[in-house]
N, C-alpha and C. Protein backbone atom coordinates (compact mmCIF):
# COMPACT_ATOMS: atom_id res chain seq x y z
N MET A 1 1.35 10.80 -24.55
CA MET A 1 2.41 11.30 -23.45
C MET A 1 3.75 10.03 -23.45
N ARG A 2 4.60 10.61 -22.77
CA ARG A 2 5.59 10.01 -22.93
C ARG A 2 6.13 9.31 -21.57
N PRO A 3 5.93 7.83 -21.47
CA PRO A 3 5.73 7.38 -20.28
C PRO A 3 7.06 7.49 -19.22
N ASN A 4 8.27 7.51 -19.84
CA ASN A 4 9.51 7.72 -19.23
C ASN A 4 10.06 9.03 -19.32
N SER A 5 9.39 9.97 -19.76
CA SER A 5 9.98 11.41 -19.46
C SER A 5 10.36 11.98 -18.35
N GLU A 6 11.25 13.38 -18.76
CA GLU A 6 12.04 13.59 -17.29
C GLU A 6 11.37 14.83 -17.00
N GLU A 7 10.42 15.43 -18.03
CA GLU A 7 9.94 16.41 -17.98
C GLU A 7 8.54 16.03 -17.23
N PRO A 8 8.61 16.98 -15.92
CA PRO A 8 7.61 17.23 -14.74
C PRO A 8 5.76 17.27 -15.49
N PRO A 9 5.19 16.22 -14.76
CA PRO A 9 4.03 15.75 -14.98
C PRO A 9 3.02 17.37 -15.43
N TYR A 10 3.28 18.47 -15.14
CA TYR A 10 2.54 19.49 -15.11
C TYR A 10 2.85 20.03 -16.58
N LEU A 11 4.30 20.02 -16.78
CA LEU A 11 4.86 20.54 -18.01
C LEU A 11 4.19 19.78 -19.42
N LEU A 12 4.32 18.29 -19.36
CA LEU A 12 3.48 17.78 -20.34
C LEU A 12 2.13 17.86 -20.17
N ALA A 13 1.37 17.91 -19.15
CA ALA A 13 0.10 18.78 -19.63
C ALA A 13 -0.19 19.84 -20.08
N ALA A 14 0.78 20.95 -19.97
CA ALA A 14 0.43 22.49 -20.65
C ALA A 14 0.94 22.00 -22.18
N GLN A 15 1.93 20.91 -22.46
CA GLN A 15 2.16 20.62 -23.70
C GLN A 15 1.13 19.83 -24.24
N ALA A 16 0.36 19.39 -23.82
CA ALA A 16 -0.96 18.48 -24.36
C ALA A 16 -1.99 19.61 -24.72
N GLY A 17 -2.18 20.44 -23.85
CA GLY A 17 -3.13 21.69 -23.60
C GLY A 17 -2.72 22.67 -24.81
N SER A 18 -1.57 22.96 -24.93
CA SER A 18 -1.22 24.06 -26.03
C SER A 18 -1.53 23.37 -27.50
N VAL A 19 -1.54 22.35 -27.50
CA VAL A 19 -1.08 21.39 -29.09
C VAL A 19 -2.76 21.66 -28.71
N VAL A 20 -3.44 21.07 -28.10
CA VAL A 20 -5.17 21.27 -28.38
C VAL A 20 -5.79 22.84 -28.49
N ARG A 21 -5.40 23.83 -28.04
CA ARG A 21 -5.44 24.96 -28.14
C ARG A 21 -5.37 25.55 -29.31
N HIS A 22 -3.83 25.02 -29.91
CA HIS A 22 -3.50 24.94 -31.43
C HIS A 22 -4.87 24.94 -32.53
N LEU A 23 -4.92 23.47 -32.07
CA LEU A 23 -5.75 22.74 -32.97
C LEU A 23 -7.32 23.37 -33.28
N TYR A 24 -7.96 24.42 -32.14
CA TYR A 24 -8.67 24.60 -32.08
C TYR A 24 -8.88 25.89 -32.68
N THR A 25 -7.77 26.68 -32.52
CA THR A 25 -7.65 27.90 -33.26
C THR A 25 -7.28 27.61 -34.58
N ARG A 26 -7.00 26.73 -35.11
CA ARG A 26 -6.92 26.53 -36.49
C ARG A 26 -8.48 25.78 -36.95
N LEU A 27 -9.14 24.95 -35.98
CA LEU A 27 -10.25 24.64 -36.92
C LEU A 27 -10.91 26.21 -36.72
N ARG A 28 -11.00 27.03 -35.74
CA ARG A 28 -12.10 28.43 -35.50
C ARG A 28 -11.73 28.90 -36.68
N ASP A 29 -10.42 28.95 -37.47
CA ASP A 29 -10.23 30.30 -38.35
C ASP A 29 -10.12 29.11 -39.77
N ASP A 30 -11.49 27.65 -39.63
CA ASP A 30 -11.51 27.28 -40.95
C ASP A 30 -10.34 26.77 -42.03
N GLU A 31 -9.25 26.53 -41.20
CA GLU A 31 -8.39 25.97 -42.01
C GLU A 31 -8.87 24.84 -42.25
N PRO A 32 -8.74 24.55 -43.75
CA PRO A 32 -9.15 23.10 -44.13
C PRO A 32 -8.16 22.09 -44.10
N ALA A 33 -8.97 20.91 -43.90
CA ALA A 33 -7.99 19.89 -43.56
C ALA A 33 -8.35 18.42 -44.30
N SER A 34 -8.16 17.87 -44.54
CA SER A 34 -8.19 16.54 -45.72
C SER A 34 -9.20 15.44 -44.61
N PRO A 35 -9.97 14.79 -44.95
CA PRO A 35 -10.28 13.91 -44.44
C PRO A 35 -9.03 12.71 -43.50
N ALA A 36 -8.31 12.34 -44.47
CA ALA A 36 -7.10 11.58 -43.80
C ALA A 36 -6.44 12.44 -42.15
N ASP A 37 -6.33 13.82 -42.44
CA ASP A 37 -5.82 14.32 -41.63
C ASP A 37 -6.82 14.71 -40.49
N LEU A 38 -8.17 14.79 -40.58
CA LEU A 38 -9.37 14.82 -39.57
C LEU A 38 -9.01 13.36 -38.74
N CYS A 39 -9.09 11.99 -39.30
CA CYS A 39 -9.15 11.43 -38.85
C CYS A 39 -7.88 10.93 -37.89
N ARG A 40 -6.52 11.09 -38.45
CA ARG A 40 -5.64 10.87 -37.70
C ARG A 40 -5.50 11.98 -35.97
N THR A 41 -6.24 13.25 -36.55
CA THR A 41 -6.39 14.20 -35.28
C THR A 41 -7.68 13.77 -34.17
N ILE A 42 -8.82 13.10 -34.93
CA ILE A 42 -9.27 12.55 -34.01
C ILE A 42 -8.82 11.08 -33.15
N GLY A 43 -7.90 10.87 -33.92
CA GLY A 43 -7.33 9.41 -33.35
C GLY A 43 -6.12 9.60 -32.05
N ALA A 44 -5.74 11.00 -32.60
CA ALA A 44 -4.52 11.73 -31.74
C ALA A 44 -5.15 12.16 -30.18
N LEU A 45 -6.65 12.36 -30.36
CA LEU A 45 -7.23 13.20 -29.18
C LEU A 45 -8.08 12.27 -28.53
N GLN A 46 -8.25 10.80 -29.14
CA GLN A 46 -8.61 9.74 -28.60
C GLN A 46 -7.25 8.92 -27.67
N ARG A 47 -6.27 8.98 -28.25
CA ARG A 47 -5.22 8.76 -27.39
C ARG A 47 -4.59 9.15 -26.29
N LEU A 48 -5.27 10.44 -26.45
CA LEU A 48 -4.49 11.77 -25.62
C LEU A 48 -5.75 11.74 -24.51
N ALA A 49 -6.86 11.68 -24.64
CA ALA A 49 -7.86 11.11 -23.72
C ALA A 49 -7.72 9.53 -22.66
N ASP A 50 -7.68 8.61 -23.76
CA ASP A 50 -6.99 7.36 -23.11
C ASP A 50 -5.64 7.75 -22.25
N ASP A 51 -5.09 8.73 -22.20
CA ASP A 51 -3.54 8.76 -21.45
C ASP A 51 -4.24 9.36 -20.15
N LEU A 52 -5.00 10.36 -20.33
CA LEU A 52 -5.32 11.10 -19.07
C LEU A 52 -6.19 9.96 -18.32
N VAL A 53 -6.67 9.55 -18.56
CA VAL A 53 -7.93 8.52 -18.25
C VAL A 53 -6.83 7.28 -17.48
N ASN A 54 -5.71 7.27 -17.92
CA ASN A 54 -4.75 6.26 -17.16
C ASN A 54 -3.83 7.23 -16.18
N VAL A 55 -3.87 8.06 -16.27
CA VAL A 55 -3.14 9.14 -15.20
C VAL A 55 -3.63 9.81 -14.15
N LEU A 56 -4.99 9.79 -14.20
CA LEU A 56 -5.64 10.23 -12.87
C LEU A 56 -5.29 9.38 -11.67
N PRO A 57 -5.85 8.26 -11.89
CA PRO A 57 -5.38 7.67 -10.58
C PRO A 57 -4.31 7.49 -9.99
N GLY A 58 -3.42 7.78 -10.69
CA GLY A 58 -1.55 8.10 -10.67
C GLY A 58 -1.72 9.22 -9.48
N LEU A 59 -2.40 10.22 -10.19
CA LEU A 59 -2.24 11.81 -9.57
C LEU A 59 -2.84 11.79 -8.20
N GLN A 60 -4.21 10.78 -8.26
CA GLN A 60 -4.70 10.93 -6.87
C GLN A 60 -4.13 10.00 -5.85
N LYS A 61 -3.07 8.55 -6.11
CA LYS A 61 -2.23 7.88 -5.13
C LYS A 61 -1.20 9.04 -4.75
N GLN A 62 -0.92 9.54 -5.81
CA GLN A 62 0.68 10.60 -5.45
C GLN A 62 -0.13 11.83 -4.01
N LEU A 63 -1.14 12.13 -4.46
CA LEU A 63 -1.98 13.56 -3.57
C LEU A 63 -2.15 12.61 -2.27
N GLU A 64 -2.57 10.84 -2.02
CA GLU A 64 -2.63 10.83 -0.91
C GLU A 64 -1.47 10.33 -0.02
N GLU A 65 -0.27 10.11 -0.86
CA GLU A 65 1.00 9.53 -0.41
C GLU A 65 1.43 10.90 0.27
N GLY A 66 1.14 11.86 -0.55
CA GLY A 66 1.90 13.10 -0.09
C GLY A 66 1.01 13.61 1.29
N LEU A 67 -0.24 13.37 1.16
CA LEU A 67 -1.05 13.56 2.52
C LEU A 67 0.06 12.81 3.56
N LEU A 68 -0.33 11.42 3.20
CA LEU A 68 0.75 10.79 4.17
C LEU A 68 2.24 11.32 4.93
N ALA A 69 2.71 11.92 4.00
CA ALA A 69 3.70 11.98 4.28
C ALA A 69 4.11 13.38 4.71
N GLY A 70 2.72 14.05 5.05
CA GLY A 70 3.00 15.36 5.28
C GLY A 70 3.10 16.45 4.49
N GLN A 71 3.17 16.01 3.14
CA GLN A 71 3.58 17.08 2.32
C GLN A 71 2.59 17.93 1.76
N VAL A 72 1.17 17.82 2.05
CA VAL A 72 -0.15 17.86 1.83
C VAL A 72 -0.91 18.40 3.05
N GLY A 73 -1.70 19.61 2.97
CA GLY A 73 -2.64 19.32 4.15
C GLY A 73 -1.94 19.99 5.24
N ALA A 74 -0.60 20.61 5.58
CA ALA A 74 -0.15 20.66 7.02
C ALA A 74 -0.65 21.94 7.42
N GLY A 75 -1.71 22.84 7.09
CA GLY A 75 -2.08 23.67 7.68
C GLY A 75 -3.69 23.58 8.07
N ASP A 76 -4.11 22.05 7.93
CA ASP A 76 -5.20 21.51 8.09
C ASP A 76 -5.02 20.76 9.28
N THR A 77 -6.06 20.38 10.16
CA THR A 77 -6.42 19.33 10.88
C THR A 77 -6.77 18.14 10.08
N PRO A 78 -5.98 17.07 10.41
CA PRO A 78 -5.89 15.81 9.67
C PRO A 78 -7.86 15.29 9.09
N GLY A 79 -8.28 15.72 9.88
CA GLY A 79 -9.62 15.38 9.18
C GLY A 79 -10.02 16.47 7.99
N GLU A 80 -9.74 17.65 8.18
CA GLU A 80 -9.85 18.68 7.10
C GLU A 80 -8.90 18.30 5.75
N ALA A 81 -7.43 17.66 6.11
CA ALA A 81 -7.17 17.37 5.12
C ALA A 81 -7.50 16.33 4.46
N TRP A 82 -8.10 14.82 5.10
CA TRP A 82 -8.60 14.21 4.30
C TRP A 82 -9.63 14.10 3.95
N ASP A 83 -10.36 15.33 4.46
CA ASP A 83 -11.62 15.80 3.42
C ASP A 83 -11.56 16.27 2.06
N LYS A 84 -10.22 16.99 2.04
CA LYS A 84 -9.64 18.00 0.87
C LYS A 84 -9.56 16.68 -0.22
N VAL A 85 -8.85 15.90 0.35
CA VAL A 85 -8.13 14.80 -0.33
C VAL A 85 -9.14 14.06 -1.20
N SER A 86 -10.14 13.42 -0.36
CA SER A 86 -11.45 13.17 -1.00
C SER A 86 -12.08 13.57 -1.61
N GLU A 87 -12.15 14.78 -1.50
CA GLU A 87 -12.97 15.76 -2.59
C GLU A 87 -12.04 15.87 -4.03
N VAL A 88 -11.05 15.89 -3.92
CA VAL A 88 -10.10 15.67 -5.29
C VAL A 88 -10.13 14.23 -5.61
N GLY A 89 -9.98 13.26 -5.07
CA GLY A 89 -10.58 12.11 -5.19
C GLY A 89 -11.49 12.18 -6.11
N TYR A 90 -12.50 12.68 -5.76
CA TYR A 90 -14.03 12.36 -6.39
C TYR A 90 -14.22 12.93 -7.50
N ALA A 91 -13.37 14.25 -7.73
CA ALA A 91 -13.30 15.12 -8.69
C ALA A 91 -12.49 14.25 -9.77
N LEU A 92 -11.52 13.70 -9.50
CA LEU A 92 -10.36 13.20 -9.96
C LEU A 92 -11.14 11.71 -10.54
N ALA A 93 -12.13 10.83 -10.24
CA ALA A 93 -12.48 10.02 -10.47
C ALA A 93 -13.65 10.24 -11.59
N GLN A 94 -14.39 11.60 -11.30
CA GLN A 94 -15.49 12.08 -11.85
C GLN A 94 -14.66 12.26 -13.51
N ALA A 95 -13.68 13.00 -13.57
CA ALA A 95 -13.21 13.40 -14.78
C ALA A 95 -12.16 12.03 -15.29
N ARG A 96 -12.36 11.06 -15.11
CA ARG A 96 -11.90 9.83 -15.30
C ARG A 96 -12.67 9.23 -16.25
N THR A 97 -14.21 8.90 -15.24
CA THR A 97 -15.49 8.67 -15.94
C THR A 97 -15.47 9.21 -17.11
N GLY A 98 -15.58 10.94 -17.27
CA GLY A 98 -15.83 11.53 -18.48
C GLY A 98 -14.77 11.21 -19.61
N GLY A 99 -13.44 11.30 -19.16
CA GLY A 99 -12.28 10.83 -19.88
C GLY A 99 -12.79 9.55 -20.84
N LEU A 100 -13.31 8.59 -20.22
CA LEU A 100 -13.50 7.16 -20.87
C LEU A 100 -15.17 7.45 -21.77
N LEU A 101 -15.75 7.97 -21.12
CA LEU A 101 -16.86 8.33 -22.64
C LEU A 101 -16.28 8.97 -23.51
N LEU A 102 -15.96 9.92 -23.17
CA LEU A 102 -14.63 11.14 -24.39
C LEU A 102 -14.19 10.47 -25.23
N ALA A 103 -13.06 9.17 -24.66
CA ALA A 103 -12.52 8.44 -25.33
C ALA A 103 -13.28 7.24 -26.38
N ALA A 104 -14.30 6.81 -25.65
CA ALA A 104 -14.75 5.90 -26.36
C ALA A 104 -15.92 6.92 -27.35
N GLU A 105 -15.83 7.55 -27.15
CA GLU A 105 -17.30 8.34 -28.43
C GLU A 105 -16.07 9.20 -29.41
N LEU A 106 -14.85 9.03 -28.87
CA LEU A 106 -13.64 9.64 -29.97
C LEU A 106 -13.51 8.65 -30.89
N ARG A 107 -13.32 7.28 -30.64
CA ARG A 107 -13.38 5.98 -31.10
C ARG A 107 -14.34 5.65 -32.01
N VAL A 108 -15.41 6.20 -31.66
CA VAL A 108 -16.46 5.80 -32.20
C VAL A 108 -16.38 7.07 -33.55
N SER A 109 -16.03 8.23 -33.80
CA SER A 109 -16.03 8.84 -34.54
C SER A 109 -14.90 8.70 -35.83
N GLN A 110 -13.86 8.45 -34.88
CA GLN A 110 -12.39 7.87 -35.54
C GLN A 110 -13.11 6.87 -37.12
N ARG A 111 -13.77 5.93 -36.25
CA ARG A 111 -14.02 4.87 -36.91
C ARG A 111 -15.17 5.18 -38.10
N THR A 112 -16.14 5.67 -37.31
CA THR A 112 -17.09 6.71 -38.64
C THR A 112 -16.79 7.32 -39.83
N LEU A 113 -15.88 8.17 -39.33
CA LEU A 113 -15.00 8.89 -40.51
C LEU A 113 -14.28 8.04 -41.50
N GLY A 114 -13.39 7.20 -40.51
CA GLY A 114 -12.77 6.12 -41.85
C GLY A 114 -13.52 5.50 -42.53
N GLU A 115 -14.72 5.15 -42.01
CA GLU A 115 -15.89 4.37 -43.13
C GLU A 115 -16.24 5.60 -43.95
N LEU A 116 -16.22 6.41 -43.50
CA LEU A 116 -17.11 7.61 -44.45
C LEU A 116 -15.80 8.01 -45.83
N THR A 117 -14.46 8.05 -45.18
CA THR A 117 -13.46 8.37 -46.22
C THR A 117 -13.50 7.42 -47.33
N SER A 118 -13.53 6.37 -46.67
CA SER A 118 -12.74 4.80 -47.42
C SER A 118 -13.95 4.53 -48.56
N SER A 119 -15.44 5.02 -48.58
CA SER A 119 -16.55 4.77 -49.35
C SER A 119 -16.39 5.48 -50.42
């Protein structure tokens, strides 16, 4: 992800999703890839997972700031709005935990694949 991009965050996320779907289509269609390509692909997915893990806390912070500024939850009572923001925060924290695990497993996969291709 480009940290100083002028693109809105949702467009960057959509672009990343599009790239992953394209990769999935290629894999589903059994398009051959060299071990080096596989290693680079796993590395790129690992970086994407790392980026996602770093973005999620910022999304939660923006949501909380939006709530405090009255931009979120205007139709709810304050308690209901905070409960909803809390639910989203919990889900984002769970997603971050999953992302950390995914990134770690991708690092192991990349390292093992690198060892396999070098032997």
